[in-house]
Amino acid sequence: MTSQVPPIPDPMSDTSQTAAVERLYPDDFARVYPLLERHGPAISKDQWRTLFDYGFQRDEEHVGYGLVDGDAVVGYVGLIFSQRDISDNVERLCNATSWIVDDAYRQSSLDLMLPVIRLKGHVLTDFSPAPDVARWCVRWGFKELEKHARVLWTTGLPTPRRAQAAITTRPEEMSKHLADEELQILTDHQPFSGCKHLLVKADGRLCYLLYTHVPRTLGLSYAHVLYASDPEVFARHSVQIRRALARETRTRFIAIDERHVRGLKLPRAHTVTMSVPRFYRSDDVKPEHIDSLYSEMAMLGLSSYSVPFPSPRRQSLLSKSSTGEKS
């Protein structure tokens, strides 16, 4: 959840007496946008609008909460609701995003979050908390979802030994082959300009990938894979997939949360630790069943890994250093 640092209450300030927490609905976007523009100028207006206009199947009508003083919205937290079929159960999910409060009202920040943490019957997720927000997540009963990412380089790859897979990046072609669940994912995410799609067909199996292109992080652009419907196919044909993604995005590497590829061997890859973990809260859904779809990652195209990605050579040197080898 992109956010500001939670406030230290100021006993000399009384602005909280004039502000109230209200539910926000899709037609409230015009009221909230001035606040979003002040605090998130790097995100376009159209991207912000997606947090209000998304049409995912859900029971809830509201899309977040606002801290309102008179006619002015001075605080906001977005809620992205969705329904997913997980382990033969229909689960209701809620991804919290963009906890933002004007400086003069920051002593009311926690009031804004109270209805979120009291939400029942949903799998709650926070994919990009600031360090101080992460500490609040732990207090609120969230568990660590992920703290590692697998980095797959697109340069210096070996020649594939396996039969070539058929790969397409055309959504209209994918829709002819996808099963109902993946077809719904494709349909739901097509309105988001930052989301890209790729379908792999090999050995009678399909692997549908949804990814975003993160233009720069510490000088390097990369493709962030949010979803891989068949991780084994992804691993078996990862070299060809990487080359296809490199052509589409002109990136030097791909990143994917470790829980999606745990136990799978991937050439020319290494694992990094995130500066701040991802979090979730659920009584029965397991971490490996939670992906990054229907979230701020897809809708805002956020740079989701707050860690440096060393170059392939530097990673090789680091690995040799840790094992006592000499270069």
Protein backbone atom coordinates (compact mmCIF):
# COMPACT_ATOMS: atom_id res chain seq x y z
CA MET A 1 0.00 0.00 0.00
CA THR A 2 1.65 3.19 -1.11
CA SER A 3 1.43 5.51 1.84
CA GLN A 4 2.87 8.21 3.94
CA VAL A 5 4.58 7.47 7.24
CA PRO A 6 1.88 7.13 9.95
CA PRO A 7 1.61 10.25 12.07
CA ILE A 8 2.89 11.11 15.51
CA PRO A 9 -0.14 12.77 17.09
CA ASP A 10 0.29 16.46 17.75
CA PRO A 11 -1.59 17.44 20.94
CA MET A 12 -1.52 21.12 19.88
CA SER A 13 -3.49 20.40 16.68
CA ASP A 14 -7.27 20.13 16.69
CA THR A 15 -8.01 19.62 12.98
CA SER A 16 -9.21 16.09 13.76
CA GLN A 17 -12.23 17.66 15.42
CA THR A 18 -13.44 18.94 12.04
CA ALA A 19 -12.68 15.88 9.88
CA ALA A 20 -14.84 12.78 9.54
CA VAL A 21 -14.31 9.39 7.89
CA GLU A 22 -16.71 8.62 5.03
CA ARG A 23 -17.13 5.81 2.54
CA LEU A 24 -16.11 6.70 -1.01
CA TYR A 25 -17.86 5.53 -4.17
CA PRO A 26 -16.91 5.59 -7.86
CA ASP A 27 -18.50 8.99 -8.49
CA ASP A 28 -16.35 10.55 -5.72
CA PHE A 29 -13.24 10.53 -7.91
CA ALA A 30 -13.46 14.24 -8.80
CA ARG A 31 -13.58 15.12 -5.09
CA VAL A 32 -10.57 12.98 -4.20
CA TYR A 33 -8.33 13.66 -7.21
CA PRO A 34 -6.87 17.00 -5.97
CA LEU A 35 -5.51 15.13 -2.93
CA LEU A 36 -4.11 12.33 -5.09
CA GLU A 37 -2.52 14.79 -7.49
CA ARG A 38 -0.76 16.61 -4.63
CA HIS A 39 0.69 13.46 -3.14
CA GLY A 40 1.19 11.25 -6.20
CA PRO A 41 2.07 13.46 -9.17
CA ALA A 42 4.06 10.66 -10.84
CA ILE A 43 0.84 8.65 -11.27
CA SER A 44 -1.39 9.82 -14.12
CA LYS A 45 -4.97 10.94 -13.63
CA ASP A 46 -6.22 8.01 -15.70
CA GLN A 47 -4.32 5.57 -13.48
CA TRP A 48 -5.75 7.12 -10.32
CA ARG A 49 -9.21 6.91 -11.88
CA THR A 50 -8.91 3.11 -12.19
CA LEU A 51 -9.04 2.84 -8.39
CA PHE A 52 -12.59 4.20 -8.59
CA ASP A 53 -13.92 2.87 -11.90
CA TYR A 54 -12.87 -0.78 -11.80
CA GLY A 55 -15.66 -3.22 -12.64
CA PHE A 56 -14.50 -6.42 -10.97
CA GLN A 57 -17.15 -8.81 -9.69
CA ARG A 58 -17.69 -8.01 -6.02
CA ASP A 59 -20.38 -7.51 -3.39
CA GLU A 60 -19.20 -4.11 -2.19
CA GLU A 61 -20.17 -0.82 -3.80
CA HIS A 62 -17.64 1.47 -2.09
CA VAL A 63 -14.02 1.77 -3.24
CA GLY A 64 -12.33 3.18 -0.16
CA TYR A 65 -12.59 5.68 2.66
CA GLY A 66 -11.99 9.40 2.78
CA LEU A 67 -11.15 11.83 5.56
CA VAL A 68 -13.43 14.77 4.86
CA ASP A 69 -13.36 18.29 6.29
CA GLY A 70 -16.28 20.30 4.96
CA ASP A 71 -16.15 19.96 1.17
CA ALA A 72 -12.48 18.97 1.11
CA VAL A 73 -11.16 15.41 1.04
CA VAL A 74 -7.97 15.57 3.12
CA GLY A 75 -7.26 11.86 3.46
CA TYR A 76 -7.81 8.70 1.44
CA VAL A 77 -7.29 4.97 1.47
CA GLY A 78 -8.30 2.92 -1.57
CA LEU A 79 -9.84 -0.54 -1.43
CA ILE A 80 -9.76 -2.85 -4.46
CA PHE A 81 -12.38 -5.56 -3.97
CA SER A 82 -12.53 -8.73 -6.04
CA GLN A 83 -13.76 -12.32 -5.94
CA ARG A 84 -11.52 -15.24 -6.83
CA ASP A 85 -11.92 -19.01 -7.05
CA ILE A 86 -9.27 -20.35 -4.67
CA SER A 87 -9.07 -24.06 -3.79
CA ASP A 88 -12.65 -24.59 -5.01
CA ASN A 89 -13.96 -21.77 -2.80
CA VAL A 90 -15.10 -18.33 -3.87
CA GLU A 91 -13.00 -15.96 -1.77
CA ARG A 92 -13.56 -12.24 -1.33
CA LEU A 93 -10.34 -10.24 -1.52
CA CYS A 94 -9.52 -6.65 -0.65
CA ASN A 95 -6.24 -4.97 -1.59
CA ALA A 96 -5.57 -1.76 0.34
CA THR A 97 -3.77 1.00 -1.53
CA SER A 98 -2.63 4.61 -1.31
CA TRP A 99 -3.00 5.57 2.34
CA ILE A 100 -2.65 9.34 1.94
CA VAL A 101 -3.37 12.15 4.42
CA ASP A 102 -2.60 15.87 4.24
CA ASP A 103 0.02 16.95 6.78
CA ALA A 104 -2.38 19.06 8.84
CA TYR A 105 -4.63 16.03 9.40
CA ARG A 106 -2.11 13.26 9.92
CA GLN A 107 -3.11 12.76 13.54
CA SER A 108 -6.34 11.29 12.06
CA SER A 109 -4.55 8.79 9.79
CA LEU A 110 -5.29 5.81 12.01
CA ASP A 111 -8.97 6.79 12.17
CA LEU A 112 -9.02 6.46 8.40
CA MET A 113 -7.67 2.90 8.61
CA LEU A 114 -9.99 1.63 11.36
CA PRO A 115 -12.83 0.50 9.04
CA VAL A 116 -10.26 -1.28 6.87
CA ILE A 117 -8.70 -3.33 9.64
CA ARG A 118 -12.18 -4.14 10.99
CA LEU A 119 -13.23 -5.60 7.62
CA LYS A 120 -14.33 -9.22 8.03
CA GLY A 121 -14.88 -12.02 5.55
CA HIS A 122 -12.13 -10.88 3.17
CA VAL A 123 -8.54 -11.79 2.41
CA LEU A 124 -6.83 -8.46 3.09
CA THR A 125 -3.56 -7.67 1.30
CA ASP A 126 -0.98 -4.90 1.47
CA PHE A 127 1.62 -5.34 -1.26
CA SER A 128 3.78 -2.22 -0.91
CA PRO A 129 3.78 -0.86 2.64
CA ALA A 130 6.24 1.78 3.77
CA PRO A 131 8.52 0.53 6.61
CA ASP A 132 6.49 2.25 9.32
CA VAL A 133 3.25 1.00 7.80
CA ALA A 134 4.66 -2.54 7.86
CA ARG A 135 4.99 -2.29 11.64
CA TRP A 136 1.34 -1.27 11.86
CA CYS A 137 0.41 -4.25 9.68
CA VAL A 138 1.96 -6.59 12.22
CA ARG A 139 0.04 -4.89 15.04
CA TRP A 140 -3.18 -5.31 13.08
CA GLY A 141 -2.72 -9.06 12.76
CA PHE A 142 -1.34 -9.23 9.23
CA LYS A 143 1.08 -12.04 8.36
CA GLU A 144 4.09 -11.92 6.10
CA LEU A 145 3.07 -12.93 2.58
CA GLU A 146 6.41 -12.61 0.80
CA LYS A 147 9.86 -11.17 1.38
CA HIS A 148 11.82 -12.64 -1.53
CA ALA A 149 11.78 -12.19 -5.30
CA ARG A 150 13.40 -14.28 -8.01
CA VAL A 151 15.32 -12.23 -10.56
CA LEU A 152 15.61 -13.83 -14.03
CA TRP A 153 18.11 -12.19 -16.36
CA THR A 154 17.36 -11.89 -20.06
CA THR A 155 21.02 -11.67 -21.14
CA GLY A 156 23.59 -14.46 -21.48
CA LEU A 157 20.94 -17.16 -21.66
CA PRO A 158 21.73 -20.73 -22.75
CA THR A 159 20.30 -22.15 -25.95
CA PRO A 160 17.05 -23.98 -25.10
CA ARG A 161 17.35 -27.75 -25.26
CA ARG A 162 13.61 -28.33 -25.25
CA ALA A 163 11.18 -28.07 -28.13
CA GLN A 164 10.16 -24.52 -28.81
CA ALA A 165 6.94 -23.30 -27.23
CA ALA A 166 4.39 -21.24 -29.14
CA ILE A 167 4.12 -17.75 -27.64
CA THR A 168 1.64 -14.99 -28.41
CA THR A 169 1.22 -11.52 -26.93
CA ARG A 170 -2.04 -10.76 -28.77
CA PRO A 171 -5.05 -10.75 -26.40
CA GLU A 172 -7.46 -11.53 -29.25
CA GLU A 173 -5.48 -14.70 -30.00
CA MET A 174 -5.24 -15.65 -26.31
CA SER A 175 -9.00 -15.43 -25.83
CA LYS A 176 -9.43 -18.38 -28.22
CA HIS A 177 -7.47 -20.68 -25.91
CA LEU A 178 -7.96 -19.51 -22.34
CA ALA A 179 -10.24 -21.31 -19.90
CA ASP A 180 -12.99 -19.34 -18.17
CA GLU A 181 -10.95 -18.19 -15.16
CA GLU A 182 -7.99 -16.90 -17.18
CA LEU A 183 -10.31 -15.40 -19.78
CA GLN A 184 -11.98 -13.40 -17.00
CA ILE A 185 -8.58 -12.23 -15.75
CA LEU A 186 -7.67 -11.11 -19.27
CA THR A 187 -10.97 -9.24 -19.68
CA ASP A 188 -10.79 -7.59 -16.25
CA HIS A 189 -7.21 -6.34 -16.71
CA GLN A 190 -7.30 -5.16 -20.31
CA PRO A 191 -8.48 -1.64 -19.32
CA PHE A 192 -5.24 -1.06 -17.40
CA SER A 193 -2.64 0.36 -19.75
CA GLY A 194 0.28 -0.90 -17.66
CA CYS A 195 -0.82 -4.55 -17.81
CA LYS A 196 0.65 -6.78 -20.51
CA HIS A 197 -0.28 -10.34 -21.44
CA LEU A 198 1.55 -13.36 -22.81
CA LEU A 199 0.39 -16.91 -23.52
CA VAL A 200 2.69 -19.93 -23.77
CA LYS A 201 1.53 -23.13 -25.46
CA ALA A 202 3.76 -26.18 -25.05
CA ASP A 203 3.38 -29.94 -24.62
CA GLY A 204 -0.40 -29.69 -24.62
CA ARG A 205 -0.38 -27.21 -21.73
CA LEU A 206 -0.92 -23.47 -21.44
CA CYS A 207 0.69 -20.86 -19.22
CA TYR A 208 -0.95 -17.45 -19.19
CA LEU A 209 1.23 -14.61 -17.89
CA LEU A 210 0.16 -11.16 -16.84
CA TYR A 211 2.97 -8.69 -16.22
CA THR A 212 3.76 -5.01 -15.96
CA HIS A 213 6.69 -3.08 -17.38
CA VAL A 214 8.41 -1.04 -14.68
CA PRO A 215 10.40 1.57 -16.63
CA ARG A 216 13.16 2.23 -14.12
CA THR A 217 14.27 1.07 -10.71
CA LEU A 218 17.75 2.17 -9.66
CA GLY A 219 18.58 2.67 -13.33
CA LEU A 220 17.22 -0.65 -14.62
CA SER A 221 13.84 -1.37 -16.20
CA TYR A 222 12.25 -4.77 -15.71
CA ALA A 223 9.15 -6.86 -16.32
CA HIS A 224 7.24 -7.78 -13.18
CA VAL A 225 5.28 -11.03 -13.55
CA LEU A 226 2.11 -10.75 -11.46
CA TYR A 227 0.57 -14.06 -12.48
CA ALA A 228 1.69 -17.33 -14.10
CA SER A 229 -1.13 -19.84 -14.45
CA ASP A 230 1.22 -22.84 -14.78
CA PRO A 231 4.55 -22.29 -12.97
CA GLU A 232 6.01 -25.56 -14.28
CA VAL A 233 5.51 -24.50 -17.89
CA PHE A 234 6.89 -21.09 -16.98
CA ALA A 235 10.05 -22.70 -15.56
CA ARG A 236 10.44 -25.27 -18.35
CA HIS A 237 10.30 -22.59 -21.05
CA SER A 238 11.62 -19.65 -19.06
CA VAL A 239 14.48 -18.93 -21.48
CA GLN A 240 12.13 -18.53 -24.43
CA ILE A 241 9.65 -16.56 -22.29
CA ARG A 242 12.40 -14.21 -21.13
CA ARG A 243 13.51 -13.56 -24.68
CA ALA A 244 9.92 -12.78 -25.67
CA LEU A 245 9.48 -10.40 -22.74
CA ALA A 246 12.80 -8.74 -23.49
CA ARG A 247 11.65 -8.07 -27.06
CA GLU A 248 8.35 -6.64 -25.84
CA THR A 249 9.72 -4.45 -23.04
CA ARG A 250 13.44 -3.97 -23.83
CA THR A 251 14.24 -5.00 -20.26
CA ARG A 252 17.31 -6.71 -18.84
CA PHE A 253 15.51 -8.86 -16.33
CA ILE A 254 12.21 -10.28 -15.09
CA ALA A 255 11.13 -10.33 -11.45
CA ILE A 256 8.54 -12.61 -9.84
CA ASP A 257 7.61 -13.20 -6.21
CA GLU A 258 9.47 -16.24 -4.90
CA ARG A 259 6.37 -18.06 -3.64
CA HIS A 260 5.21 -18.51 -7.25
CA VAL A 261 8.39 -20.34 -8.35
CA ARG A 262 9.60 -21.87 -5.09
CA GLY A 263 11.31 -25.21 -5.72
CA LEU A 264 11.64 -24.62 -9.46
CA LYS A 265 15.02 -24.49 -11.17
CA LEU A 266 15.52 -21.46 -13.38
CA PRO A 267 18.80 -20.80 -15.21
CA ARG A 268 20.54 -17.44 -14.95
CA ALA A 269 18.49 -16.42 -11.91
CA HIS A 270 19.01 -15.46 -8.30
CA THR A 271 16.94 -14.51 -5.26
CA VAL A 272 16.83 -11.10 -3.58
CA THR A 273 15.29 -10.00 -0.30
CA MET A 274 12.75 -7.20 -0.35
CA SER A 275 13.41 -4.20 1.87
CA VAL A 276 9.83 -4.45 3.18
CA PRO A 277 7.73 -7.64 2.96
CA ARG A 278 4.29 -7.96 1.48
CA PHE A 279 1.49 -8.70 3.97
CA TYR A 280 -1.87 -10.45 4.07
CA ARG A 281 -4.57 -11.33 6.59
CA SER A 282 -6.63 -14.48 6.20
CA ASP A 283 -7.67 -17.40 8.38
CA ASP A 284 -7.56 -20.09 5.71
CA VAL A 285 -6.08 -18.91 2.37
CA LYS A 286 -2.42 -19.89 2.01
CA PRO A 287 0.24 -17.45 0.73
CA GLU A 288 0.98 -19.48 -2.41
CA HIS A 289 -2.63 -18.97 -3.51
CA ILE A 290 -2.40 -15.18 -3.34
CA ASP A 291 -1.12 -13.47 -6.48
CA SER A 292 -0.83 -9.78 -7.37
CA LEU A 293 -3.82 -9.58 -9.70
CA TYR A 294 -6.75 -7.26 -8.97
CA SER A 295 -4.42 -4.96 -7.06
CA GLU A 296 -2.50 -1.70 -7.08
CA MET A 297 0.36 -3.57 -8.76
CA ALA A 298 -1.75 -4.10 -11.87
CA MET A 299 -3.81 -0.93 -11.78
CA LEU A 300 -1.12 1.63 -10.89
CA GLY A 301 1.86 -0.23 -12.39
CA LEU A 302 3.87 0.36 -9.24
CA SER A 303 7.58 -0.33 -8.90
CA SER A 304 7.05 -3.13 -6.45
CA TYR A 305 10.55 -4.17 -5.36
CA SER A 306 12.29 -1.66 -3.12
CA VAL A 307 15.65 -3.42 -3.38
CA PRO A 308 18.69 -2.92 -5.63
CA PHE A 309 19.07 -5.47 -8.43
CA PRO A 310 22.78 -6.20 -8.95
CA SER A 311 24.02 -6.80 -12.47
CA PRO A 312 24.60 -10.43 -13.53
CA ARG A 313 28.38 -10.05 -13.06
CA ARG A 314 28.03 -8.38 -9.67
CA GLN A 315 25.61 -11.10 -8.56
CA SER A 316 28.13 -13.73 -9.66
CA LEU A 317 30.86 -12.01 -7.65
CA LEU A 318 28.58 -11.75 -4.61
CA SER A 319 27.75 -15.45 -4.84
CA LYS A 320 31.44 -16.43 -5.08
CA SER A 321 32.28 -14.16 -2.18
CA SER A 322 29.65 -15.79 0.02
CA THR A 323 31.07 -19.26 -0.75
CA GLY A 324 34.74 -18.26 -0.50
CA GLU A 325 35.44 -18.74 -4.22
CA LYS A 326 37.88 -16.53 -6.11
CA SER A 327 36.96 -14.87 -9.39
